[in-house]
Amino acid sequence: MYFTDRGIEELEKRRGEEEVTFEWLAEQLRTFVDLNPDFEVPVERLATWLARLDDEDEDEDE
């Protein structure tokens, strides 16, 4: 288990039953980066990865 898995597990345990929109998630990511500018690059990479998940499926179809 990676150290970061603990945070993911906590998130799932505490908020796993909730439903959120990507608009809400984007706002939370912006707020987090505003408060923690050192994490701008990792958050940007995560957001880009999430945004492009469907692109991998399209590449496999070609």
Protein backbone atom coordinates (compact mmCIF):
# COMPACT_ATOMS: atom_id res chain seq x y z
CA MET A 1 0.00 0.00 0.00
CA TYR A 2 1.28 3.44 -0.91
CA PHE A 3 1.26 6.14 1.75
CA THR A 4 -1.20 8.14 -0.38
CA ASP A 5 -3.66 5.26 -0.27
CA ARG A 6 -4.44 6.19 3.33
CA GLY A 7 -5.88 9.51 2.25
CA ILE A 8 -7.82 7.88 -0.56
CA GLU A 9 -9.20 5.30 1.86
CA GLU A 10 -10.20 8.04 4.31
CA LEU A 11 -11.93 9.95 1.52
CA GLU A 12 -13.82 6.85 0.47
CA LYS A 13 -14.79 5.99 4.05
CA ARG A 14 -15.93 9.49 5.00
CA ARG A 15 -17.51 10.65 1.75
CA GLY A 16 -17.96 7.52 -0.33
CA GLU A 17 -21.74 7.67 -0.20
CA GLU A 18 -21.89 11.25 -1.51
CA GLU A 19 -22.40 12.27 -5.11
CA VAL A 20 -20.60 15.31 -6.48
CA THR A 21 -20.34 17.05 -9.81
CA PHE A 22 -17.12 17.67 -11.70
CA GLU A 23 -17.89 21.36 -11.34
CA TRP A 24 -17.78 20.96 -7.54
CA LEU A 25 -14.60 18.89 -7.75
CA ALA A 26 -12.91 21.47 -9.99
CA GLU A 27 -13.76 24.23 -7.51
CA GLN A 28 -12.35 22.20 -4.61
CA LEU A 29 -9.14 21.57 -6.58
CA ARG A 30 -8.81 25.30 -7.32
CA THR A 31 -9.31 26.15 -3.66
CA PHE A 32 -6.75 23.52 -2.62
CA VAL A 33 -4.16 24.93 -5.06
CA ASP A 34 -4.87 28.48 -3.87
CA LEU A 35 -4.17 27.36 -0.30
CA ASN A 36 -1.27 25.05 -1.26
CA PRO A 37 0.49 26.48 -4.34
CA ASP A 38 3.32 23.93 -4.08
CA PHE A 39 0.82 21.29 -5.21
CA GLU A 40 -0.19 23.10 -8.40
CA VAL A 41 1.65 20.72 -10.74
CA PRO A 42 0.40 17.44 -9.20
CA VAL A 43 -3.18 18.74 -9.06
CA GLU A 44 -2.93 19.90 -12.68
CA ARG A 45 -1.66 16.45 -13.70
CA LEU A 46 -4.47 14.73 -11.82
CA ALA A 47 -7.10 17.00 -13.38
CA THR A 48 -5.68 16.45 -16.87
CA TRP A 49 -5.55 12.69 -16.33
CA LEU A 50 -9.18 12.64 -15.15
CA ALA A 51 -10.27 14.83 -18.07
CA ARG A 52 -8.62 12.52 -20.62
CA LEU A 53 -9.66 9.11 -19.26
CA ASP A 54 -12.02 8.51 -22.18
CA ASP A 55 -9.24 9.32 -24.66
CA GLU A 56 -7.53 6.01 -23.79
CA ASP A 57 -10.69 4.11 -24.81
CA GLU A 58 -10.82 6.00 -28.12
CA ASP A 59 -7.17 5.18 -28.86
CA GLU A 60 -7.86 1.46 -28.38
CA ASP A 61 -10.72 1.59 -30.92
CA GLU A 62 -8.48 2.88 -33.70
